[in-house]
PDB file of all heavy atoms in Angstrom:
ATOM      1  N   ARG A   1     118.490 153.998 121.185  1.00  0.00           N
ATOM      2  CA  ARG A   1     118.733 152.585 120.877  1.00  0.00           C
ATOM      3  C   ARG A   1     119.234 152.482 119.453  1.00  0.00           C
ATOM      4  O   ARG A   1     118.615 152.996 118.527  1.00  0.00           O
ATOM      5  CB  ARG A   1     117.466 151.742 121.024  1.00  0.00           C
ATOM      6  CG  ARG A   1     117.792 150.253 120.891  1.00  0.00           C
ATOM      7  CD  ARG A   1     116.555 149.410 120.691  1.00  0.00           C
ATOM      8  NE  ARG A   1     116.822 148.009 120.792  1.00  0.00           N
ATOM      9  CZ  ARG A   1     117.470 147.266 119.910  1.00  0.00           C
ATOM     10  NH1 ARG A   1     117.979 147.814 118.826  1.00  0.00           N
ATOM     11  NH2 ARG A   1     117.642 145.971 120.082  1.00  0.00           N
ATOM     12  N   LEU A   2     120.350 151.821 119.282  1.00  0.00           N
ATOM     13  CA  LEU A   2     120.959 151.648 117.979  1.00  0.00           C
ATOM     14  C   LEU A   2     120.002 150.939 117.034  1.00  0.00           C
ATOM     15  O   LEU A   2     119.376 149.939 117.393  1.00  0.00           O
ATOM     16  CB  LEU A   2     122.246 150.842 118.122  1.00  0.00           C
ATOM     17  CG  LEU A   2     123.184 150.785 116.930  1.00  0.00           C
ATOM     18  CD1 LEU A   2     123.667 152.177 116.533  1.00  0.00           C
ATOM     19  CD2 LEU A   2     124.372 149.887 117.253  1.00  0.00           C
ATOM     20  N   LEU A   3     119.872 151.457 115.810  1.00  0.00           N
ATOM     21  CA  LEU A   3     119.041 150.801 114.813  1.00  0.00           C
ATOM     22  C   LEU A   3     119.648 149.443 114.472  1.00  0.00           C
ATOM     23  O   LEU A   3     120.867 149.318 114.350  1.00  0.00           O
ATOM     24  CB  LEU A   3     118.944 151.669 113.553  1.00  0.00           C
ATOM     25  CG  LEU A   3     118.188 152.992 113.733  1.00  0.00           C
ATOM     26  CD1 LEU A   3     118.409 153.906 112.540  1.00  0.00           C
ATOM     27  CD2 LEU A   3     116.708 152.726 113.944  1.00  0.00           C
ATOM     28  N   PRO A   4     118.819 148.411 114.335  1.00  0.00           N
ATOM     29  CA  PRO A   4     119.350 147.056 114.107  1.00  0.00           C
ATOM     30  C   PRO A   4     120.297 146.959 112.918  1.00  0.00           C
ATOM     31  O   PRO A   4     121.304 146.253 112.978  1.00  0.00           O
ATOM     32  CB  PRO A   4     118.087 146.214 113.877  1.00  0.00           C
ATOM     33  CG  PRO A   4     116.998 146.970 114.547  1.00  0.00           C
ATOM     34  CD  PRO A   4     117.357 148.424 114.443  1.00  0.00           C
ATOM     35  N   GLU A   5     120.013 147.676 111.839  1.00  0.00           N
ATOM     36  CA  GLU A   5     120.870 147.575 110.655  1.00  0.00           C
ATOM     37  C   GLU A   5     122.252 148.199 110.871  1.00  0.00           C
ATOM     38  O   GLU A   5     123.171 147.960 110.099  1.00  0.00           O
ATOM     39  CB  GLU A   5     120.186 148.187 109.423  1.00  0.00           C
ATOM     40  CG  GLU A   5     119.868 149.661 109.534  1.00  0.00           C
ATOM     41  CD  GLU A   5     118.476 149.954 110.093  1.00  0.00           C
ATOM     42  OE1 GLU A   5     117.853 149.064 110.700  1.00  0.00           O
ATOM     43  OE2 GLU A   5     118.026 151.091 109.929  1.00  0.00           O
ATOM     44  N   LEU A   6     122.420 148.989 111.920  1.00  0.00           N
ATOM     45  CA  LEU A   6     123.717 149.610 112.216  1.00  0.00           C
ATOM     46  C   LEU A   6     124.466 148.887 113.334  1.00  0.00           C
ATOM     47  O   LEU A   6     125.568 149.289 113.698  1.00  0.00           O
ATOM     48  CB  LEU A   6     123.515 151.083 112.604  1.00  0.00           C
ATOM     49  CG  LEU A   6     122.851 151.964 111.540  1.00  0.00           C
ATOM     50  CD1 LEU A   6     122.646 153.367 112.080  1.00  0.00           C
ATOM     51  CD2 LEU A   6     123.677 151.987 110.268  1.00  0.00           C
ATOM     52  N   ASP A   7     123.869 147.828 113.878  1.00  0.00           N
ATOM     53  CA  ASP A   7     124.475 147.121 115.006  1.00  0.00           C
ATOM     54  C   ASP A   7     125.580 146.182 114.521  1.00  0.00           C
ATOM     55  O   ASP A   7     125.320 145.105 113.997  1.00  0.00           O
ATOM     56  CB  ASP A   7     123.404 146.335 115.761  1.00  0.00           C
ATOM     57  CG  ASP A   7     123.911 145.769 117.068  1.00  0.00           C
ATOM     58  OD1 ASP A   7     125.109 145.951 117.388  1.00  0.00           O
ATOM     59  OD2 ASP A   7     123.110 145.146 117.788  1.00  0.00           O
ATOM     60  N   ASP A   8     126.831 146.613 114.700  1.00  0.00           N
ATOM     61  CA  ASP A   8     127.976 145.792 114.318  1.00  0.00           C
ATOM     62  C   ASP A   8     128.610 145.096 115.521  1.00  0.00           C
ATOM     63  O   ASP A   8     129.639 144.444 115.406  1.00  0.00           O
ATOM     64  CB  ASP A   8     129.021 146.640 113.583  1.00  0.00           C
ATOM     65  CG  ASP A   8     129.543 147.793 114.427  1.00  0.00           C
ATOM     66  OD1 ASP A   8     129.201 147.879 115.636  1.00  0.00           O
ATOM     67  OD2 ASP A   8     130.301 148.624 113.881  1.00  0.00           O
ATOM     68  N   GLY A   9     127.981 145.252 116.691  1.00  0.00           N
ATOM     69  CA  GLY A   9     128.486 144.622 117.907  1.00  0.00           C
ATOM     70  C   GLY A   9     129.630 145.364 118.557  1.00  0.00           C
ATOM     71  O   GLY A   9     130.140 144.943 119.587  1.00  0.00           O
ATOM     72  N   LYS A  10     130.068 146.491 117.986  1.00  0.00           N
ATOM     73  CA  LYS A  10     131.213 147.232 118.526  1.00  0.00           C
ATOM     74  C   LYS A  10     130.805 148.340 119.490  1.00  0.00           C
ATOM     75  O   LYS A  10     131.623 148.843 120.243  1.00  0.00           O
ATOM     76  CB  LYS A  10     132.043 147.832 117.392  1.00  0.00           C
ATOM     77  CG  LYS A  10     132.683 146.788 116.503  1.00  0.00           C
ATOM     78  CD  LYS A  10     133.448 147.426 115.378  1.00  0.00           C
ATOM     79  CE  LYS A  10     134.034 146.364 114.460  1.00  0.00           C
ATOM     80  NZ  LYS A  10     134.623 146.931 113.264  1.00  0.00           N
ATOM     81  N   THR A  11     129.540 148.743 119.443  1.00  0.00           N
ATOM     82  CA  THR A  11     129.073 149.784 120.354  1.00  0.00           C
ATOM     83  C   THR A  11     127.872 149.260 121.126  1.00  0.00           C
ATOM     84  O   THR A  11     127.218 148.296 120.716  1.00  0.00           O
ATOM     85  CB  THR A  11     128.650 151.063 119.586  1.00  0.00           C
ATOM     86  OG1 THR A  11     127.599 150.717 118.679  1.00  0.00           O
ATOM     87  CG2 THR A  11     129.812 151.663 118.821  1.00  0.00           C
ATOM     88  N   GLY A  12     127.559 149.894 122.236  1.00  0.00           N
ATOM     89  CA  GLY A  12     126.412 149.486 123.040  1.00  0.00           C
ATOM     90  C   GLY A  12     125.103 149.731 122.301  1.00  0.00           C
ATOM     91  O   GLY A  12     125.003 150.676 121.522  1.00  0.00           O
ATOM     92  N   LYS A  13     124.135 148.881 122.569  1.00  0.00           N
ATOM     93  CA  LYS A  13     122.829 149.055 121.926  1.00  0.00           C
ATOM     94  C   LYS A  13     122.160 150.333 122.395  1.00  0.00           C
ATOM     95  O   LYS A  13     121.470 150.993 121.649  1.00  0.00           O
ATOM     96  CB  LYS A  13     121.923 147.865 122.232  1.00  0.00           C
ATOM     97  CG  LYS A  13     122.166 146.704 121.316  1.00  0.00           C
ATOM     98  CD  LYS A  13     121.079 145.666 121.462  1.00  0.00           C
ATOM     99  CE  LYS A  13     121.390 144.523 120.527  1.00  0.00           C
ATOM    100  NZ  LYS A  13     120.582 143.369 120.744  1.00  0.00           N
ATOM    101  N   TYR A  14     122.321 150.658 123.673  1.00  0.00           N
ATOM    102  CA  TYR A  14     121.684 151.837 124.245  1.00  0.00           C
ATOM    103  C   TYR A  14     122.743 152.805 124.753  1.00  0.00           C
ATOM    104  O   TYR A  14     123.758 152.376 125.313  1.00  0.00           O
ATOM    105  CB  TYR A  14     120.794 151.456 125.436  1.00  0.00           C
ATOM    106  CG  TYR A  14     119.530 150.737 125.052  1.00  0.00           C
ATOM    107  CD1 TYR A  14     119.504 149.351 124.956  1.00  0.00           C
ATOM    108  CD2 TYR A  14     118.367 151.433 124.784  1.00  0.00           C
ATOM    109  CE1 TYR A  14     118.343 148.679 124.606  1.00  0.00           C
ATOM    110  CE2 TYR A  14     117.194 150.780 124.440  1.00  0.00           C
ATOM    111  CZ  TYR A  14     117.191 149.403 124.357  1.00  0.00           C
ATOM    112  OH  TYR A  14     116.043 148.749 124.005  1.00  0.00           O
ATOM    113  N   ILE A  15     122.493 154.087 124.564  1.00  0.00           N
ATOM    114  CA  ILE A  15     123.286 155.105 125.247  1.00  0.00           C
ATOM    115  C   ILE A  15     122.318 156.129 125.834  1.00  0.00           C
ATOM    116  O   ILE A  15     121.234 156.362 125.282  1.00  0.00           O
ATOM    117  CB  ILE A  15     124.330 155.799 124.339  1.00  0.00           C
ATOM    118  CG1 ILE A  15     123.671 156.469 123.141  1.00  0.00           C
ATOM    119  CG2 ILE A  15     125.412 154.845 123.906  1.00  0.00           C
ATOM    120  CD1 ILE A  15     124.618 157.374 122.363  1.00  0.00           C
ATOM    121  N   ASN A  16     122.704 156.678 126.955  1.00  0.00           N
ATOM    122  CA  ASN A  16     121.905 157.684 127.634  1.00  0.00           C
ATOM    123  C   ASN A  16     122.573 159.039 127.525  1.00  0.00           C
ATOM    124  O   ASN A  16     123.787 159.133 127.298  1.00  0.00           O
ATOM    125  CB  ASN A  16     121.761 157.355 129.126  1.00  0.00           C
ATOM    126  CG  ASN A  16     120.928 156.115 129.369  1.00  0.00           C
ATOM    127  OD1 ASN A  16     119.894 155.925 128.749  1.00  0.00           O
ATOM    128  ND2 ASN A  16     121.392 155.275 130.261  1.00  0.00           N
ATOM    129  N   SER A  17     121.788 160.077 127.735  1.00  0.00           N
ATOM    130  CA  SER A  17     122.373 161.402 127.901  1.00  0.00           C
ATOM    131  C   SER A  17     123.350 161.341 129.061  1.00  0.00           C
ATOM    132  O   SER A  17     123.140 160.595 130.017  1.00  0.00           O
ATOM    133  CB  SER A  17     121.276 162.425 128.253  1.00  0.00           C
ATOM    134  OG  SER A  17     120.406 162.631 127.183  1.00  0.00           O
ATOM    135  N   PRO A  18     124.410 162.132 129.001  1.00  0.00           N
ATOM    136  CA  PRO A  18     125.300 162.184 130.156  1.00  0.00           C
ATOM    137  C   PRO A  18     124.620 162.919 131.304  1.00  0.00           C
ATOM    138  O   PRO A  18     123.601 163.598 131.102  1.00  0.00           O
ATOM    139  CB  PRO A  18     126.504 162.979 129.626  1.00  0.00           C
ATOM    140  CG  PRO A  18     125.945 163.802 128.517  1.00  0.00           C
ATOM    141  CD  PRO A  18     124.835 162.996 127.911  1.00  0.00           C
ATOM    142  N   GLU A  19     125.159 162.767 132.492  1.00  0.00           N
ATOM    143  CA  GLU A  19     124.626 163.500 133.642  1.00  0.00           C
ATOM    144  C   GLU A  19     124.728 164.995 133.362  1.00  0.00           C
ATOM    145  O   GLU A  19     125.750 165.470 132.854  1.00  0.00           O
ATOM    146  CB  GLU A  19     125.423 163.156 134.900  1.00  0.00           C
ATOM    147  CG  GLU A  19     125.386 161.689 135.268  1.00  0.00           C
ATOM    148  CD  GLU A  19     124.116 161.270 135.990  1.00  0.00           C
ATOM    149  OE1 GLU A  19     123.666 162.009 136.879  1.00  0.00           O
ATOM    150  OE2 GLU A  19     123.574 160.206 135.644  1.00  0.00           O
ATOM    151  N   THR A  20     123.661 165.712 133.653  1.00  0.00           N
ATOM    152  CA  THR A  20     123.620 167.162 133.484  1.00  0.00           C
ATOM    153  C   THR A  20     122.994 167.770 134.737  1.00  0.00           C
ATOM    154  O   THR A  20     122.514 167.029 135.606  1.00  0.00           O
ATOM    155  CB  THR A  20     122.770 167.566 132.252  1.00  0.00           C
ATOM    156  OG1 THR A  20     121.393 167.242 132.521  1.00  0.00           O
ATOM    157  CG2 THR A  20     123.229 166.882 130.975  1.00  0.00           C
ATOM    158  N   PRO A  21     122.963 169.092 134.835  1.00  0.00           N
ATOM    159  CA  PRO A  21     122.309 169.696 136.016  1.00  0.00           C
ATOM    160  C   PRO A  21     120.848 169.279 136.174  1.00  0.00           C
ATOM    161  O   PRO A  21     120.315 169.308 137.287  1.00  0.00           O
ATOM    162  CB  PRO A  21     122.428 171.197 135.757  1.00  0.00           C
ATOM    163  CG  PRO A  21     123.647 171.329 134.902  1.00  0.00           C
ATOM    164  CD  PRO A  21     123.650 170.097 134.027  1.00  0.00           C
ATOM    165  N   ILE A  22     120.180 168.860 135.091  1.00  0.00           N
ATOM    166  CA  ILE A  22     118.769 168.479 135.216  1.00  0.00           C
ATOM    167  C   ILE A  22     118.522 166.976 135.014  1.00  0.00           C
ATOM    168  O   ILE A  22     117.395 166.519 135.134  1.00  0.00           O
ATOM    169  CB  ILE A  22     117.883 169.282 134.228  1.00  0.00           C
ATOM    170  CG1 ILE A  22     118.284 169.019 132.773  1.00  0.00           C
ATOM    171  CG2 ILE A  22     117.906 170.761 134.560  1.00  0.00           C
ATOM    172  CD1 ILE A  22     117.312 169.570 131.748  1.00  0.00           C
ATOM    173  N   PHE A  23     119.560 166.198 134.711  1.00  0.00           N
ATOM    174  CA  PHE A  23     119.383 164.772 134.457  1.00  0.00           C
ATOM    175  C   PHE A  23     120.339 163.955 135.303  1.00  0.00           C
ATOM    176  O   PHE A  23     121.560 164.059 135.158  1.00  0.00           O
ATOM    177  CB  PHE A  23     119.606 164.460 132.977  1.00  0.00           C
ATOM    178  CG  PHE A  23     119.553 162.986 132.648  1.00  0.00           C
ATOM    179  CD1 PHE A  23     118.414 162.253 132.906  1.00  0.00           C
ATOM    180  CD2 PHE A  23     120.634 162.340 132.078  1.00  0.00           C
ATOM    181  CE1 PHE A  23     118.343 160.899 132.615  1.00  0.00           C
ATOM    182  CE2 PHE A  23     120.582 160.989 131.771  1.00  0.00           C
ATOM    183  CZ  PHE A  23     119.433 160.268 132.041  1.00  0.00           C
ATOM    184  N   ASN A  24     119.764 163.151 136.196  1.00  0.00           N
ATOM    185  CA  ASN A  24     120.543 162.262 137.043  1.00  0.00           C
ATOM    186  C   ASN A  24     119.848 160.898 137.027  1.00  0.00           C
ATOM    187  O   ASN A  24     118.777 160.732 137.606  1.00  0.00           O
ATOM    188  CB  ASN A  24     120.605 162.834 138.468  1.00  0.00           C
ATOM    189  CG  ASN A  24     121.469 162.015 139.378  1.00  0.00           C
ATOM    190  OD1 ASN A  24     121.450 160.788 139.327  1.00  0.00           O
ATOM    191  ND2 ASN A  24     122.225 162.680 140.227  1.00  0.00           N
ATOM    192  N   LYS A  25     120.465 159.912 136.347  1.00  0.00           N
ATOM    193  CA  LYS A  25     119.857 158.589 136.167  1.00  0.00           C
ATOM    194  C   LYS A  25     119.523 157.898 137.479  1.00  0.00           C
ATOM    195  O   LYS A  25     118.558 157.157 137.557  1.00  0.00           O
ATOM    196  CB  LYS A  25     120.792 157.668 135.381  1.00  0.00           C
ATOM    197  CG  LYS A  25     120.856 157.942 133.925  1.00  0.00           C
ATOM    198  CD  LYS A  25     121.607 156.848 133.196  1.00  0.00           C
ATOM    199  CE  LYS A  25     123.039 156.770 133.664  1.00  0.00           C
ATOM    200  NZ  LYS A  25     123.860 155.891 132.831  1.00  0.00           N
ATOM    201  N   SER A  26     120.341 158.116 138.487  1.00  0.00           N
ATOM    202  CA  SER A  26     120.126 157.406 139.744  1.00  0.00           C
ATOM    203  C   SER A  26     118.928 157.949 140.515  1.00  0.00           C
ATOM    204  O   SER A  26     118.519 157.366 141.510  1.00  0.00           O
ATOM    205  CB  SER A  26     121.378 157.472 140.619  1.00  0.00           C
ATOM    206  OG  SER A  26     121.621 158.796 141.027  1.00  0.00           O
ATOM    207  N   ARG A  27     118.345 159.044 140.044  1.00  0.00           N
ATOM    208  CA  ARG A  27     117.183 159.621 140.725  1.00  0.00           C
ATOM    209  C   ARG A  27     115.887 159.451 139.943  1.00  0.00           C
ATOM    210  O   ARG A  27     114.813 159.550 140.523  1.00  0.00           O
ATOM    211  CB  ARG A  27     117.422 161.100 140.972  1.00  0.00           C
ATOM    212  CG  ARG A  27     118.516 161.332 141.975  1.00  0.00           C
ATOM    213  CD  ARG A  27     118.354 162.673 142.615  1.00  0.00           C
ATOM    214  NE  ARG A  27     119.201 162.703 143.791  1.00  0.00           N
ATOM    215  CZ  ARG A  27     120.076 163.632 144.023  1.00  0.00           C
ATOM    216  NH1 ARG A  27     120.202 164.634 143.201  1.00  0.00           N
ATOM    217  NH2 ARG A  27     120.803 163.594 145.122  1.00  0.00           N
ATOM    218  N   LEU A  28     115.984 159.220 138.637  1.00  0.00           N
ATOM    219  CA  LEU A  28     114.787 159.186 137.800  1.00  0.00           C
ATOM    220  C   LEU A  28     114.375 157.766 137.443  1.00  0.00           C
ATOM    221  O   LEU A  28     115.208 156.948 137.058  1.00  0.00           O
ATOM    222  CB  LEU A  28     115.030 159.955 136.506  1.00  0.00           C
ATOM    223  CG  LEU A  28     115.200 161.462 136.629  1.00  0.00           C
ATOM    224  CD1 LEU A  28     115.507 162.073 135.275  1.00  0.00           C
ATOM    225  CD2 LEU A  28     113.964 162.102 137.225  1.00  0.00           C
ATOM    226  N   LEU A  29     113.103 157.503 137.561  1.00  0.00           N
ATOM    227  CA  LEU A  29     112.528 156.246 137.098  1.00  0.00           C
ATOM    228  C   LEU A  29     111.809 156.526 135.787  1.00  0.00           C
ATOM    229  O   LEU A  29     110.953 157.420 135.715  1.00  0.00           O
ATOM    230  CB  LEU A  29     111.537 155.702 138.123  1.00  0.00           C
ATOM    231  CG  LEU A  29     112.168 155.099 139.367  1.00  0.00           C
ATOM    232  CD1 LEU A  29     111.145 154.963 140.474  1.00  0.00           C
ATOM    233  CD2 LEU A  29     112.797 153.750 139.041  1.00  0.00           C
ATOM    234  N   TYR A  30     112.157 155.781 134.757  1.00  0.00           N
ATOM    235  CA  TYR A  30     111.559 155.996 133.446  1.00  0.00           C
ATOM    236  C   TYR A  30     110.063 155.698 133.519  1.00  0.00           C
ATOM    237  O   TYR A  30     109.643 154.645 133.996  1.00  0.00           O
ATOM    238  CB  TYR A  30     112.224 155.087 132.404  1.00  0.00           C
ATOM    239  CG  TYR A  30     111.730 155.338 131.010  1.00  0.00           C
ATOM    240  CD1 TYR A  30     112.211 156.398 130.272  1.00  0.00           C
ATOM    241  CD2 TYR A  30     110.766 154.528 130.436  1.00  0.00           C
ATOM    242  CE1 TYR A  30     111.758 156.645 128.978  1.00  0.00           C
ATOM    243  CE2 TYR A  30     110.302 154.762 129.157  1.00  0.00           C
ATOM    244  CZ  TYR A  30     110.802 155.822 128.436  1.00  0.00           C
ATOM    245  OH  TYR A  30     110.344 156.073 127.175  1.00  0.00           O
ATOM    246  N   GLY A  31     109.261 156.648 133.040  1.00  0.00           N
ATOM    247  CA  GLY A  31     107.816 156.474 132.979  1.00  0.00           C
ATOM    248  C   GLY A  31     107.065 156.816 134.251  1.00  0.00           C
ATOM    249  O   GLY A  31     105.837 156.750 134.279  1.00  0.00           O
ATOM    250  N   PHE A  32     107.771 157.206 135.299  1.00  0.00           N
ATOM    251  CA  PHE A  32     107.109 157.459 136.579  1.00  0.00           C
ATOM    252  C   PHE A  32     106.027 158.525 136.465  1.00  0.00           C
ATOM    253  O   PHE A  32     104.953 158.398 137.050  1.00  0.00           O
ATOM    254  CB  PHE A  32     108.139 157.862 137.641  1.00  0.00           C
ATOM    255  CG  PHE A  32     107.535 158.106 138.994  1.00  0.00           C
ATOM    256  CD1 PHE A  32     107.162 157.042 139.794  1.00  0.00           C
ATOM    257  CD2 PHE A  32     107.339 159.388 139.471  1.00  0.00           C
ATOM    258  CE1 PHE A  32     106.592 157.254 141.038  1.00  0.00           C
ATOM    259  CE2 PHE A  32     106.780 159.615 140.717  1.00  0.00           C
ATOM    260  CZ  PHE A  32     106.405 158.542 141.496  1.00  0.00           C
ATOM    261  N   PHE A  33     106.281 159.564 135.685  1.00  0.00           N
ATOM    262  CA  PHE A  33     105.286 160.633 135.583  1.00  0.00           C
ATOM    263  C   PHE A  33     103.980 160.128 134.959  1.00  0.00           C
ATOM    264  O   PHE A  33     102.910 160.651 135.231  1.00  0.00           O
ATOM    265  CB  PHE A  33     105.843 161.844 134.819  1.00  0.00           C
ATOM    266  CG  PHE A  33     105.725 161.736 133.318  1.00  0.00           C
ATOM    267  CD1 PHE A  33     104.728 162.405 132.630  1.00  0.00           C
ATOM    268  CD2 PHE A  33     106.624 160.965 132.596  1.00  0.00           C
ATOM    269  CE1 PHE A  33     104.628 162.308 131.254  1.00  0.00           C
ATOM    270  CE2 PHE A  33     106.532 160.868 131.222  1.00  0.00           C
ATOM    271  CZ  PHE A  33     105.528 161.538 130.550  1.00  0.00           C
ATOM    272  N   ARG A  34     104.061 159.076 134.124  1.00  0.00           N
ATOM    273  CA  ARG A  34     102.861 158.498 133.517  1.00  0.00           C
ATOM    274  C   ARG A  34     102.156 157.504 134.440  1.00  0.00           C
ATOM    275  O   ARG A  34     100.951 157.328 134.369  1.00  0.00           O
ATOM    276  CB  ARG A  34     103.209 157.755 132.232  1.00  0.00           C
ATOM    277  CG  ARG A  34     103.616 158.639 131.108  1.00  0.00           C
ATOM    278  CD  ARG A  34     103.014 158.141 129.808  1.00  0.00           C
ATOM    279  NE  ARG A  34     103.470 158.958 128.713  1.00  0.00           N
ATOM    280  CZ  ARG A  34     102.857 160.052 128.302  1.00  0.00           C
ATOM    281  NH1 ARG A  34     101.779 160.455 128.901  1.00  0.00           N
ATOM    282  NH2 ARG A  34     103.332 160.746 127.288  1.00  0.00           N
ATOM    283  N   SER A  35     102.926 156.817 135.265  1.00  0.00           N
ATOM    284  CA  SER A  35     102.368 155.695 136.016  1.00  0.00           C
ATOM    285  C   SER A  35     102.127 155.971 137.490  1.00  0.00           C
ATOM    286  O   SER A  35     101.559 155.128 138.179  1.00  0.00           O
ATOM    287  CB  SER A  35     103.279 154.482 135.867  1.00  0.00           C
ATOM    288  OG  SER A  35     104.568 154.789 136.336  1.00  0.00           O
ATOM    289  N   LYS A  36     102.514 157.123 137.997  1.00  0.00           N
ATOM    290  CA  LYS A  36     102.427 157.349 139.445  1.00  0.00           C
ATOM    291  C   LYS A  36     101.007 157.235 139.990  1.00  0.00           C
ATOM    292  O   LYS A  36     100.804 156.693 141.080  1.00  0.00           O
ATOM    293  CB  LYS A  36     103.083 158.670 139.847  1.00  0.00           C
ATOM    294  CG  LYS A  36     102.524 159.903 139.224  1.00  0.00           C
ATOM    295  CD  LYS A  36     103.388 161.109 139.585  1.00  0.00           C
ATOM    296  CE  LYS A  36     102.947 162.329 138.803  1.00  0.00           C
ATOM    297  NZ  LYS A  36     103.857 163.456 139.054  1.00  0.00           N
ATOM    298  N   ASN A  37     100.009 157.694 139.234  1.00  0.00           N
ATOM    299  CA  ASN A  37      98.624 157.571 139.719  1.00  0.00           C
ATOM    300  C   ASN A  37      98.180 156.122 139.773  1.00  0.00           C
ATOM    301  O   ASN A  37      97.490 155.706 140.713  1.00  0.00           O
ATOM    302  CB  ASN A  37      97.671 158.404 138.858  1.00  0.00           C
ATOM    303  CG  ASN A  37      97.899 159.886 139.050  1.00  0.00           C
ATOM    304  OD1 ASN A  37      98.374 160.328 140.099  1.00  0.00           O
ATOM    305  ND2 ASN A  37      97.581 160.669 138.033  1.00  0.00           N
ATOM    306  N   GLU A  38      98.588 155.326 138.777  1.00  0.00           N
ATOM    307  CA  GLU A  38      98.254 153.889 138.770  1.00  0.00           C
ATOM    308  C   GLU A  38      98.936 153.167 139.932  1.00  0.00           C
ATOM    309  O   GLU A  38      98.338 152.291 140.554  1.00  0.00           O
ATOM    310  CB  GLU A  38      98.686 153.240 137.452  1.00  0.00           C
ATOM    311  CG  GLU A  38      97.818 153.593 136.278  1.00  0.00           C
ATOM    312  CD  GLU A  38      96.487 152.860 136.264  1.00  0.00           C
ATOM    313  OE1 GLU A  38      96.406 151.723 136.765  1.00  0.00           O
ATOM    314  OE2 GLU A  38      95.529 153.449 135.755  1.00  0.00           O
ATOM    315  N   ILE A  39     100.184 153.518 140.206  1.00  0.00           N
ATOM    316  CA  ILE A  39     100.904 152.904 141.332  1.00  0.00           C
ATOM    317  C   ILE A  39     100.168 153.209 142.628  1.00  0.00           C
ATOM    318  O   ILE A  39      99.959 152.327 143.464  1.00  0.00           O
ATOM    319  CB  ILE A  39     102.364 153.396 141.377  1.00  0.00           C
ATOM    320  CG1 ILE A  39     103.143 152.883 140.167  1.00  0.00           C
ATOM    321  CG2 ILE A  39     103.039 152.973 142.682  1.00  0.00           C
ATOM    322  CD1 ILE A  39     104.504 153.529 139.969  1.00  0.00           C
ATOM    323  N   ARG A  40      99.760 154.456 142.782  1.00  0.00           N
ATOM    324  CA  ARG A  40      99.037 154.869 143.992  1.00  0.00           C
ATOM    325  C   ARG A  40      97.711 154.109 144.101  1.00  0.00           C
ATOM    326  O   ARG A  40      97.378 153.585 145.160  1.00  0.00           O
ATOM    327  CB  ARG A  40      98.781 156.377 143.968  1.00  0.00           C
ATOM    328  CG  ARG A  40      98.134 156.913 145.230  1.00  0.00           C
ATOM    329  CD  ARG A  40      97.869 158.404 145.168  1.00  0.00           C
ATOM    330  NE  ARG A  40      99.113 159.162 145.134  1.00  0.00           N
ATOM    331  CZ  ARG A  40      99.513 159.908 144.091  1.00  0.00           C
ATOM    332  NH1 ARG A  40      98.785 160.001 142.997  1.00  0.00           N
ATOM    333  NH2 ARG A  40     100.648 160.576 144.154  1.00  0.00           N
TER     334      ARG A  40
END
């Protein structure tokens, strides 16, 4: 997340890692490993 003092409105506030062999955004839910027991 872009630091507020560097936000000039020209770039996105958030950027993600690009897709890699171990990272696929469409498959991962952020925080799932922490919350799965609570969900259950």
